[in-house]
């Protein structure tokens, strides 16, 4: 998998996070809003001292770093397929040791029932298969353990565009600047018997300001920037979210 590096995000977030921010009101910087999103995820995870926490698609390590600031005595593991992102994650000033593993999210190099908490923040759409990832979650989580995942998913109106000229152009622009995105049109998550859904929240409105911070202007699907595919993809994704075609969903599952 090639590197997923949103240059505008890195320039404005001091290199700590690659994901969207979360705004409850006005006045937050992008960095503060990205930390707020991490806190939403970690609140849903219900971390306690001694938990074994695995962040799959950990990016630059911001979510694990936030976890380490909030709860003592965690065993932290960050998994990512991009070695350069892992190198940058290792530079964060963690108060404890972290295991960093370069691996595929669909073939996790972890023993069965070896962790209590799994996180996946805006990464699952890059995986080759959400179902295979969730099957790995079932294998790796202990009974009663939690998975907290935020995901970018198309609504039915957007999925209805699959195969049309408009749909093909949307997919082309997203793949060019934000790929790989193997199943842009797919369902957000497969139902897996061993996972019980505890919580489902739509974070679309609270995360929407992120795109303007990334771009320095409101996203516009009509703006085409073939010379800057990353910014072009951000325009497309932000515009889709602004009209409700793309949703940002937080889900919490418990391993039965």
Foldseek 3Di string as FASTA:
>chain_A
DDDQDQVLCCVQQVNQDDAFFFAPDDDDGRNRRNLVVLVVQVVLQPDAAPFEEEEEQCFQPNSVQSVQVPYPRYAAEYEHQDVVRLVNNVPDPHPDDYHYYRDALLDDPAAFQAGQEYEYEAPCQQHQDQASNVVVVLRHHHAFGKYKYKYKAFDPVLLVCPPPPVNVVLVVLQCQARDPRNCRNDDTHDDDPQKDWDDKDWRLVRRLCRLCSSQVHQQAQPDADVVRSNNNNSSSSSVCSVVPRMIIMIIMIGGD
